[in-house]
Amino acid sequence: MKKDIQKLKAERKIEIDKVGVKNIKVPLLVRTKKSKPQFTIADINLYVNLPHKYKGTHMSRFIEILNRHTKKVLSGKSLGEITKEVKKRLNAERAFLEVSFPYFMKKRSPISKKQSLLDYKCKLIREVDEKNKVKNIVEVTVPVTLLCPCSKEISSYGAHNQRAYITVRVCWNKLVWIEDLIALIEKEASCSIYPLLKRLDEKFVTEKAFENPKFVEDVVREIAFELNKFKKKDVIESYVVECESIESIHNHEAYAREEG
């Protein structure tokens, strides 16, 4: 019988932080705050740490574990169980699971009240440490409109505005709903993004953004200020806020980030 190369000792005694499999597509059932659970398609990444003495990990075991769980409907509740099982089956000290998916919400245009769907990029993350403690993380990326305060101040008329993407990642102690994070983010933008706008709606969003100019720095500070309230109540343990503005008059983007 030929030897198992995977079980040989590694020549370079260096521990690898994460090793595993990426971009596995599976159906996912996501809990919603008020309505029925939502079906979507997820991309899953699974990793463990690899001690310096091992040459390789058992890649097939990741898929075996995931396949067993996806015979049922994969849901947020089962993500911690999968991560713990991965840690145990692969004899690892730490295990990591990342689930990325589009999340859809119905949105009404501000004046005409036309309803349509808007998709948001979301991610659920589970990390299991040496003591088998599960860390729960949720991340959302929300498209918004930002209007430049400086442009408005110095111009005789008009001001440059553009789409921006705000990403908030929170490590929660008590469940934080995706819908609540989206609402918090959209509130701090110059104006929300809407998938369907009639003429009166376009007038409204144009004027609202003009009356509510924001730098990327303003947005990040305001969202961090609100998230600090959740920290004080021990709802969340930590957070990261990022804002990237896809500039309309520059060939670069404007960016700000804050961690708490």
Protein backbone atom coordinates (compact mmCIF):
# COMPACT_ATOMS: atom_id res chain seq x y z
CA MET A 1 0.00 0.00 0.00
CA LYS A 2 1.33 3.40 -0.95
CA LYS A 3 2.06 5.84 1.87
CA ASP A 4 -0.32 8.68 2.74
CA ILE A 5 1.60 11.84 1.79
CA GLN A 6 -0.84 13.97 3.72
CA LYS A 7 0.21 12.39 7.02
CA LEU A 8 3.90 13.05 6.55
CA LYS A 9 5.64 15.63 8.70
CA ALA A 10 6.06 19.08 7.20
CA GLU A 11 9.63 20.08 6.33
CA ARG A 12 9.02 23.73 7.21
CA LYS A 13 7.80 23.83 10.77
CA ILE A 14 5.39 26.70 10.24
CA GLU A 15 1.78 26.69 11.42
CA ILE A 16 -0.79 27.73 8.83
CA ASP A 17 -3.55 30.02 10.12
CA LYS A 18 -6.25 28.81 7.75
CA VAL A 19 -6.42 25.89 5.35
CA GLY A 20 -9.53 24.41 3.79
CA VAL A 21 -12.02 24.75 0.95
CA LYS A 22 -13.65 27.80 -0.67
CA ASN A 23 -16.61 28.79 -2.82
CA ILE A 24 -18.90 25.81 -2.26
CA LYS A 25 -22.39 26.72 -3.47
CA VAL A 26 -25.32 25.47 -1.39
CA PRO A 27 -28.97 26.46 -0.85
CA LEU A 28 -29.47 28.44 2.35
CA LEU A 29 -32.51 29.29 4.47
CA VAL A 30 -32.11 32.65 6.22
CA ARG A 31 -34.26 33.76 9.13
CA THR A 32 -35.97 37.11 8.67
CA LYS A 33 -37.06 39.49 11.38
CA LYS A 34 -40.77 39.74 10.53
CA SER A 35 -41.65 37.54 7.55
CA LYS A 36 -41.14 33.91 6.54
CA PRO A 37 -37.58 32.55 6.20
CA GLN A 38 -35.94 33.40 2.88
CA PHE A 39 -34.33 30.90 0.52
CA THR A 40 -31.11 32.03 -1.16
CA ILE A 41 -27.87 30.64 -2.59
CA ALA A 42 -24.70 30.77 -0.48
CA ASP A 43 -20.97 30.50 -1.15
CA ILE A 44 -19.32 28.68 1.74
CA ASN A 45 -15.71 28.70 2.90
CA LEU A 46 -14.51 26.22 5.56
CA TYR A 47 -11.10 26.34 7.24
CA VAL A 48 -9.08 25.02 10.16
CA ASN A 49 -5.68 25.96 11.48
CA LEU A 50 -2.92 23.50 10.64
CA PRO A 51 -0.17 22.78 13.25
CA HIS A 52 3.42 23.02 12.04
CA LYS A 53 4.00 19.25 12.30
CA TYR A 54 1.37 18.31 9.68
CA LYS A 55 2.04 18.46 5.95
CA GLY A 56 -1.61 18.76 4.95
CA THR A 57 -5.22 18.63 6.10
CA HIS A 58 -8.04 16.31 5.03
CA MET A 59 -9.84 18.36 2.38
CA SER A 60 -12.51 15.74 1.69
CA ARG A 61 -13.75 15.84 5.28
CA PHE A 62 -14.89 19.43 4.88
CA ILE A 63 -17.15 18.41 2.00
CA GLU A 64 -18.41 15.29 3.80
CA ILE A 65 -19.47 17.31 6.83
CA LEU A 66 -21.13 20.01 4.74
CA ASN A 67 -22.95 17.49 2.55
CA ARG A 68 -24.38 15.77 5.61
CA HIS A 69 -25.80 19.04 6.91
CA THR A 70 -27.15 20.18 3.53
CA LYS A 71 -29.34 17.06 3.30
CA LYS A 72 -31.50 19.13 5.61
CA VAL A 73 -32.09 22.81 4.92
CA LEU A 74 -28.96 24.69 5.90
CA SER A 75 -29.79 27.51 8.29
CA GLY A 76 -28.01 30.01 10.52
CA LYS A 77 -28.70 27.82 13.56
CA SER A 78 -26.73 24.90 12.13
CA LEU A 79 -23.63 26.95 11.22
CA GLY A 80 -22.13 26.74 14.71
CA GLU A 81 -22.74 22.97 14.77
CA ILE A 82 -20.96 22.54 11.43
CA THR A 83 -17.97 24.58 12.59
CA LYS A 84 -17.63 22.57 15.81
CA GLU A 85 -17.83 19.31 13.88
CA VAL A 86 -15.16 20.48 11.44
CA LYS A 87 -12.86 21.32 14.36
CA LYS A 88 -13.43 17.91 15.94
CA ARG A 89 -13.19 15.76 12.79
CA LEU A 90 -10.00 17.43 11.61
CA ASN A 91 -8.37 17.44 15.08
CA ALA A 92 -7.85 21.19 14.86
CA GLU A 93 -7.46 23.84 17.53
CA ARG A 94 -9.63 26.35 15.65
CA ALA A 95 -12.22 26.19 12.89
CA PHE A 96 -13.79 28.85 10.67
CA LEU A 97 -16.91 29.01 8.51
CA GLU A 98 -17.94 31.84 6.17
CA VAL A 99 -21.29 31.96 4.39
CA SER A 100 -21.77 34.69 1.77
CA PHE A 101 -25.16 35.24 0.15
CA PRO A 102 -27.48 37.84 -1.39
CA TYR A 103 -30.31 38.88 0.92
CA PHE A 104 -33.42 40.41 -0.64
CA MET A 105 -35.69 43.03 0.91
CA LYS A 106 -38.84 44.64 -0.45
CA LYS A 107 -38.46 48.39 -0.76
CA ARG A 108 -41.03 51.03 -1.64
CA SER A 109 -40.08 54.12 -3.60
CA PRO A 110 -40.37 57.22 -1.39
CA ILE A 111 -43.22 59.07 -3.18
CA SER A 112 -44.95 56.72 -5.65
CA LYS A 113 -44.70 53.80 -3.18
CA LYS A 114 -43.83 51.33 -5.94
CA GLN A 115 -42.55 48.11 -4.40
CA SER A 116 -39.59 46.12 -5.73
CA LEU A 117 -36.73 43.96 -4.50
CA LEU A 118 -33.27 45.20 -3.54
CA ASP A 119 -30.42 42.77 -2.87
CA TYR A 120 -27.77 43.22 -0.18
CA LYS A 121 -24.48 41.36 0.15
CA CYS A 122 -24.41 39.53 3.47
CA LYS A 123 -22.06 37.20 5.29
CA LEU A 124 -22.46 34.96 8.34
CA ILE A 125 -19.25 33.89 10.05
CA ARG A 126 -18.67 31.33 12.78
CA GLU A 127 -15.33 30.83 14.53
CA VAL A 128 -14.63 28.12 17.11
CA ASP A 129 -11.60 28.59 19.36
CA GLU A 130 -9.43 26.26 21.44
CA LYS A 131 -12.01 26.21 24.25
CA ASN A 132 -14.82 25.32 21.82
CA LYS A 133 -16.39 28.74 22.21
CA VAL A 134 -18.33 29.92 19.16
CA LYS A 135 -17.92 33.49 17.91
CA ASN A 136 -20.95 34.74 15.94
CA ILE A 137 -20.36 37.41 13.29
CA VAL A 138 -22.70 39.01 10.78
CA GLU A 139 -21.65 41.35 7.96
CA VAL A 140 -23.76 43.40 5.56
CA THR A 141 -22.80 45.61 2.62
CA VAL A 142 -25.33 48.28 1.71
CA PRO A 143 -25.33 50.46 -1.44
CA VAL A 144 -26.18 54.11 -0.73
CA THR A 145 -25.89 57.59 -2.24
CA LEU A 146 -23.36 60.08 -0.85
CA LEU A 147 -23.17 63.76 -1.78
CA CYS A 148 -19.95 65.71 -1.19
CA PRO A 149 -20.27 68.53 1.43
CA CYS A 150 -17.23 70.34 0.03
CA SER A 151 -18.59 70.29 -3.53
CA LYS A 152 -21.92 71.67 -2.34
CA GLU A 153 -20.23 74.43 -0.31
CA ILE A 154 -17.99 75.79 -3.07
CA SER A 155 -20.31 75.37 -6.08
CA SER A 156 -22.77 77.98 -7.33
CA TYR A 157 -25.21 75.17 -8.13
CA GLY A 158 -25.22 71.40 -7.85
CA ALA A 159 -22.79 69.07 -6.09
CA HIS A 160 -21.14 65.83 -7.13
CA ASN A 161 -22.76 62.68 -5.77
CA GLN A 162 -22.14 59.00 -6.29
CA ARG A 163 -22.91 55.51 -5.14
CA ALA A 164 -21.05 54.28 -2.07
CA TYR A 165 -20.86 50.93 -0.32
CA ILE A 166 -21.02 50.74 3.46
CA THR A 167 -19.97 47.49 5.12
CA VAL A 168 -20.67 46.78 8.77
CA ARG A 169 -19.39 43.66 10.53
CA VAL A 170 -20.45 42.93 14.10
CA CYS A 171 -19.53 40.15 16.50
CA TRP A 172 -22.72 39.68 18.51
CA ASN A 173 -23.53 38.36 21.97
CA LYS A 174 -27.28 38.66 21.34
CA LEU A 175 -28.78 38.09 17.91
CA VAL A 176 -28.49 41.09 15.59
CA TRP A 177 -30.94 41.08 12.68
CA ILE A 178 -29.74 41.81 9.15
CA GLU A 179 -32.71 44.14 8.67
CA ASP A 180 -31.71 46.24 11.69
CA LEU A 181 -28.15 46.68 10.42
CA ILE A 182 -29.40 47.68 6.97
CA ALA A 183 -31.79 50.25 8.48
CA LEU A 184 -29.02 51.69 10.67
CA ILE A 185 -26.70 52.05 7.67
CA GLU A 186 -29.25 53.58 5.29
CA LYS A 187 -30.24 56.13 7.91
CA GLU A 188 -26.71 57.59 7.92
CA ALA A 189 -26.33 57.94 4.13
CA SER A 190 -27.08 61.08 2.14
CA CYS A 191 -29.91 59.05 0.64
CA SER A 192 -30.95 55.42 0.25
CA ILE A 193 -30.75 53.46 -3.00
CA TYR A 194 -34.05 52.35 -4.55
CA PRO A 195 -34.44 49.75 -7.33
CA LEU A 196 -37.49 51.46 -8.85
CA LEU A 197 -38.03 55.23 -9.09
CA LYS A 198 -40.66 57.27 -10.92
CA ARG A 199 -40.09 60.95 -11.78
CA LEU A 200 -41.41 62.28 -8.46
CA ASP A 201 -39.21 59.76 -6.63
CA GLU A 202 -36.14 60.91 -8.57
CA LYS A 203 -36.86 64.48 -7.56
CA PHE A 204 -37.17 63.42 -3.93
CA VAL A 205 -33.92 61.41 -3.73
CA THR A 206 -31.95 64.08 -5.63
CA GLU A 207 -33.09 66.83 -3.26
CA LYS A 208 -32.76 64.67 -0.15
CA ALA A 209 -29.13 63.88 -0.96
CA PHE A 210 -28.44 67.56 -1.69
CA GLU A 211 -29.85 68.57 1.71
CA ASN A 212 -27.90 65.82 3.50
CA PRO A 213 -24.25 65.93 2.30
CA LYS A 214 -21.86 63.40 3.87
CA PHE A 215 -18.15 62.62 3.69
CA VAL A 216 -17.14 58.96 4.06
CA GLU A 217 -15.66 60.08 7.39
CA ASP A 218 -19.06 61.41 8.52
CA VAL A 219 -20.79 58.16 7.66
CA VAL A 220 -18.28 55.95 9.47
CA ARG A 221 -18.35 58.12 12.60
CA GLU A 222 -22.15 58.23 12.78
CA ILE A 223 -22.53 54.47 12.36
CA ALA A 224 -19.78 53.81 14.92
CA PHE A 225 -21.57 56.15 17.33
CA GLU A 226 -24.77 54.10 17.00
CA LEU A 227 -22.96 50.77 17.30
CA ASN A 228 -21.27 51.92 20.50
CA LYS A 229 -24.76 52.06 22.05
CA PHE A 230 -25.13 48.34 21.28
CA LYS A 231 -21.74 47.69 22.86
CA LYS A 232 -22.75 49.42 26.08
CA LYS A 233 -25.81 47.16 26.27
CA ASP A 234 -23.57 44.10 25.63
CA VAL A 235 -25.55 43.25 22.48
CA ILE A 236 -22.34 43.24 20.42
CA GLU A 237 -18.76 42.54 21.38
CA SER A 238 -17.00 44.39 18.56
CA TYR A 239 -17.56 45.95 15.15
CA VAL A 240 -15.90 47.14 11.95
CA VAL A 241 -17.38 49.90 9.77
CA GLU A 242 -16.12 50.64 6.25
CA CYS A 243 -17.33 53.11 3.66
CA GLU A 244 -16.07 53.17 0.08
CA SER A 245 -17.31 55.90 -2.23
CA ILE A 246 -17.12 55.18 -5.97
CA GLU A 247 -16.13 58.72 -6.91
CA SER A 248 -17.82 60.34 -9.89
CA ILE A 249 -15.23 63.09 -10.54
CA HIS A 250 -12.00 61.23 -9.61
CA ASN A 251 -10.24 58.12 -10.88
CA HIS A 252 -9.83 56.91 -7.29
CA GLU A 253 -12.26 55.96 -4.53
CA ALA A 254 -12.72 57.65 -1.13
CA TYR A 255 -12.48 55.29 1.86
CA ALA A 256 -12.85 55.31 5.64
CA ARG A 257 -12.77 52.55 8.29
CA GLU A 258 -13.36 52.36 12.04
CA GLU A 259 -13.07 49.44 14.48
CA GLY A 260 -14.63 49.28 17.91
